[in-house]
Amino acid sequence: MNHPWIVYLRAYLGVRIHRARTAPSRGASAVEWVIITAIIAGVALGLATLIRTLVEQKQGDIQNSFGGGNGNT
């Protein structure tokens, strides 16, 4: 794992984590992290639901184009 992007990312995150741990407003930072994480999780859940709906619709279209998908053509 010596790829330059991974090395950079690890160094960047290490600095950010160090700053977050040594910052005087540590409690507020924790609340901000919780809020940001909840927002990201909500967006991910919304995208997953959207993708699932689109896939199911396309599956229905494909089944209908092959005669309903029950083996009869």
Foldseek 3Di string as FASTA:
>chain_A
DVPPVVVVVVVVVVVVVVCQVPPPPNVVVVVVVVVVVVVVVVVVVVVVVVVVVVVVVVVQVVCVVVPNVPPDD
